[in-house]
Amino acid sequence: MAYIPVANLFLMFRVGKKPLWWILLMFIPLVNLIFIVLTWMGIAKNRGKSAWVGVLVLIPLVNLALPAYIAFSE
């Protein structure tokens, strides 16, 4: 499910414990940036990291390594 373009949003919102109706907001330009950061902040918080780690998704090269950092670090 993580590799299907729209279905991965369901998985991300479930892991980040965000409401599923936010998926509709992901299709609005510039609004989606706010909600993707909030989602990554929720995912980081649920994995035991600081919520501010989710803001790093906005930095271009850091966002490539961010999922691996959140998933594999303790």
N, C-alpha and C. Protein backbone atom coordinates (compact mmCIF):
# COMPACT_ATOMS: atom_id res chain seq x y z
N MET A 1 0.82 -1.19 0.00
CA MET A 1 0.00 0.00 0.00
C MET A 1 0.87 1.26 0.00
N ALA A 2 2.08 1.17 0.49
CA ALA A 2 2.95 2.35 0.56
C ALA A 2 3.45 2.79 -0.81
N TYR A 3 3.39 1.93 -1.80
CA TYR A 3 3.92 2.27 -3.12
C TYR A 3 2.84 2.70 -4.11
N ILE A 4 1.60 2.69 -3.72
CA ILE A 4 0.50 3.14 -4.58
C ILE A 4 0.30 4.62 -4.29
N PRO A 5 0.34 5.47 -5.32
CA PRO A 5 0.41 6.92 -5.12
C PRO A 5 -0.64 7.53 -4.18
N VAL A 6 -1.90 7.25 -4.30
CA VAL A 6 -2.88 7.87 -3.42
C VAL A 6 -3.13 7.01 -2.18
N ALA A 7 -2.98 5.73 -2.31
CA ALA A 7 -3.21 4.83 -1.17
C ALA A 7 -2.18 5.03 -0.07
N ASN A 8 -0.99 5.51 -0.42
CA ASN A 8 0.01 5.74 0.62
C ASN A 8 -0.41 6.88 1.55
N LEU A 9 -1.27 7.77 1.09
CA LEU A 9 -1.78 8.83 1.97
C LEU A 9 -2.63 8.23 3.09
N PHE A 10 -3.44 7.22 2.76
CA PHE A 10 -4.22 6.54 3.81
C PHE A 10 -3.30 5.98 4.88
N LEU A 11 -2.23 5.35 4.45
CA LEU A 11 -1.28 4.76 5.38
C LEU A 11 -0.58 5.83 6.22
N MET A 12 -0.16 6.92 5.58
CA MET A 12 0.51 7.99 6.30
C MET A 12 -0.41 8.63 7.34
N PHE A 13 -1.66 8.87 6.99
CA PHE A 13 -2.58 9.50 7.93
C PHE A 13 -2.95 8.55 9.05
N ARG A 14 -2.98 7.26 8.77
CA ARG A 14 -3.25 6.30 9.84
C ARG A 14 -2.10 6.22 10.82
N VAL A 15 -0.87 6.21 10.31
CA VAL A 15 0.30 6.15 11.19
C VAL A 15 0.45 7.45 11.97
N GLY A 16 0.16 8.58 11.33
CA GLY A 16 0.26 9.87 11.99
C GLY A 16 -0.95 10.22 12.85
N LYS A 17 -1.94 9.33 12.85
CA LYS A 17 -3.18 9.52 13.62
C LYS A 17 -3.86 10.84 13.28
N LYS A 18 -4.01 11.07 12.00
CA LYS A 18 -4.70 12.25 11.50
C LYS A 18 -6.00 11.81 10.85
N PRO A 19 -7.00 12.70 10.76
CA PRO A 19 -8.28 12.32 10.15
C PRO A 19 -8.12 12.06 8.64
N LEU A 20 -8.87 11.09 8.15
CA LEU A 20 -8.75 10.71 6.74
C LEU A 20 -9.32 11.75 5.79
N TRP A 21 -10.16 12.66 6.26
CA TRP A 21 -10.69 13.67 5.36
C TRP A 21 -9.61 14.67 4.95
N TRP A 22 -8.46 14.65 5.62
CA TRP A 22 -7.34 15.51 5.21
C TRP A 22 -6.82 15.13 3.83
N ILE A 23 -7.13 13.92 3.36
CA ILE A 23 -6.69 13.51 2.03
C ILE A 23 -7.25 14.45 0.98
N LEU A 24 -8.45 14.93 1.17
CA LEU A 24 -9.03 15.89 0.22
C LEU A 24 -8.23 17.19 0.18
N LEU A 25 -7.69 17.59 1.31
CA LEU A 25 -6.90 18.82 1.37
C LEU A 25 -5.53 18.66 0.71
N MET A 26 -5.11 17.43 0.52
CA MET A 26 -3.81 17.19 -0.11
C MET A 26 -3.83 17.51 -1.60
N PHE A 27 -5.00 17.67 -2.18
CA PHE A 27 -5.11 17.98 -3.60
C PHE A 27 -5.22 19.48 -3.87
N ILE A 28 -5.14 20.31 -2.83
CA ILE A 28 -5.18 21.76 -2.97
C ILE A 28 -3.75 22.28 -2.89
N PRO A 29 -3.28 22.96 -3.94
CA PRO A 29 -1.90 23.45 -3.93
C PRO A 29 -1.65 24.41 -2.77
N LEU A 30 -0.46 24.36 -2.23
CA LEU A 30 0.04 25.14 -1.09
C LEU A 30 -0.60 24.75 0.24
N VAL A 31 -1.85 24.36 0.24
CA VAL A 31 -2.47 23.85 1.47
C VAL A 31 -1.88 22.49 1.81
N ASN A 32 -1.55 21.73 0.76
CA ASN A 32 -1.00 20.40 0.99
C ASN A 32 0.36 20.45 1.69
N LEU A 33 1.11 21.52 1.52
CA LEU A 33 2.40 21.63 2.22
C LEU A 33 2.20 21.69 3.72
N ILE A 34 1.20 22.43 4.15
CA ILE A 34 0.92 22.55 5.58
C ILE A 34 0.50 21.20 6.15
N PHE A 35 -0.38 20.51 5.45
CA PHE A 35 -0.91 19.26 5.98
C PHE A 35 0.09 18.11 5.87
N ILE A 36 0.99 18.15 4.90
CA ILE A 36 2.01 17.10 4.84
C ILE A 36 3.01 17.29 5.98
N VAL A 37 3.32 18.53 6.34
CA VAL A 37 4.21 18.78 7.48
C VAL A 37 3.53 18.33 8.77
N LEU A 38 2.26 18.64 8.93
CA LEU A 38 1.54 18.21 10.13
C LEU A 38 1.46 16.69 10.22
N THR A 39 1.31 16.04 9.08
CA THR A 39 1.26 14.58 9.06
C THR A 39 2.61 13.99 9.44
N TRP A 40 3.70 14.52 8.87
CA TRP A 40 5.02 14.01 9.21
C TRP A 40 5.38 14.31 10.66
N MET A 41 4.88 15.43 11.19
CA MET A 41 5.09 15.71 12.61
C MET A 41 4.38 14.67 13.48
N GLY A 42 3.19 14.26 13.07
CA GLY A 42 2.47 13.22 13.80
C GLY A 42 3.15 11.87 13.71
N ILE A 43 3.69 11.56 12.53
CA ILE A 43 4.40 10.29 12.36
C ILE A 43 5.65 10.27 13.23
N ALA A 44 6.40 11.37 13.22
CA ALA A 44 7.62 11.43 14.03
C ALA A 44 7.29 11.32 15.51
N LYS A 45 6.24 11.99 15.93
CA LYS A 45 5.84 11.95 17.34
C LYS A 45 5.44 10.54 17.76
N ASN A 46 4.72 9.83 16.89
CA ASN A 46 4.30 8.46 17.21
C ASN A 46 5.47 7.49 17.20
N ARG A 47 6.55 7.83 16.51
CA ARG A 47 7.72 6.96 16.50
C ARG A 47 8.71 7.32 17.61
N GLY A 48 8.34 8.29 18.47
CA GLY A 48 9.20 8.63 19.59
C GLY A 48 10.21 9.72 19.30
N LYS A 49 10.08 10.40 18.20
CA LYS A 49 10.98 11.51 17.85
C LYS A 49 10.29 12.82 18.20
N SER A 50 11.06 13.88 18.16
CA SER A 50 10.49 15.20 18.36
C SER A 50 9.57 15.52 17.18
N ALA A 51 8.49 16.21 17.44
CA ALA A 51 7.56 16.55 16.37
C ALA A 51 8.20 17.49 15.35
N TRP A 52 9.23 18.22 15.76
CA TRP A 52 9.88 19.14 14.84
C TRP A 52 10.66 18.42 13.75
N VAL A 53 10.90 17.14 13.90
CA VAL A 53 11.56 16.37 12.84
C VAL A 53 10.69 16.37 11.59
N GLY A 54 9.39 16.46 11.75
CA GLY A 54 8.48 16.51 10.61
C GLY A 54 8.63 17.74 9.75
N VAL A 55 9.15 18.82 10.31
CA VAL A 55 9.36 20.04 9.54
C VAL A 55 10.50 19.85 8.54
N LEU A 56 11.39 18.92 8.80
CA LEU A 56 12.51 18.66 7.90
C LEU A 56 12.08 18.16 6.53
N VAL A 57 10.83 17.77 6.40
CA VAL A 57 10.34 17.31 5.11
C VAL A 57 10.34 18.45 4.09
N LEU A 58 10.41 19.68 4.52
CA LEU A 58 10.43 20.83 3.61
C LEU A 58 11.81 21.09 3.00
N ILE A 59 12.86 20.54 3.59
CA ILE A 59 14.22 20.75 3.08
C ILE A 59 14.47 19.73 1.98
N PRO A 60 14.84 20.19 0.77
CA PRO A 60 14.86 19.32 -0.40
C PRO A 60 15.64 18.01 -0.29
N LEU A 61 16.88 17.99 0.11
CA LEU A 61 17.62 16.73 0.13
C LEU A 61 17.41 15.95 1.42
N VAL A 62 17.04 16.63 2.47
CA VAL A 62 16.81 15.97 3.74
C VAL A 62 15.55 15.11 3.68
N ASN A 63 14.56 15.55 2.91
CA ASN A 63 13.31 14.80 2.85
C ASN A 63 13.46 13.43 2.21
N LEU A 64 14.55 13.19 1.52
CA LEU A 64 14.79 11.86 0.95
C LEU A 64 15.22 10.86 2.02
N ALA A 65 15.94 11.34 3.02
CA ALA A 65 16.43 10.46 4.08
C ALA A 65 15.53 10.46 5.31
N LEU A 66 14.59 11.37 5.38
CA LEU A 66 13.74 11.50 6.56
C LEU A 66 12.93 10.24 6.87
N PRO A 67 12.27 9.61 5.89
CA PRO A 67 11.52 8.38 6.23
C PRO A 67 12.41 7.28 6.80
N ALA A 68 13.61 7.13 6.27
CA ALA A 68 14.52 6.11 6.78
C ALA A 68 14.97 6.44 8.20
N TYR A 69 15.21 7.71 8.47
CA TYR A 69 15.62 8.12 9.82
C TYR A 69 14.50 7.83 10.83
N ILE A 70 13.30 8.18 10.47
CA ILE A 70 12.18 7.96 11.39
C ILE A 70 11.91 6.47 11.57
N ALA A 71 12.04 5.71 10.52
CA ALA A 71 11.70 4.28 10.59
C ALA A 71 12.76 3.45 11.31
N PHE A 72 14.04 3.74 11.08
CA PHE A 72 15.08 2.83 11.54
C PHE A 72 15.86 3.29 12.76
N SER A 73 15.68 4.51 13.22
CA SER A 73 16.39 4.92 14.43
C SER A 73 15.51 4.65 15.65
N GLU A 74 16.15 4.57 16.78
CA GLU A 74 15.39 4.24 17.99
C GLU A 74 14.85 5.44 18.65
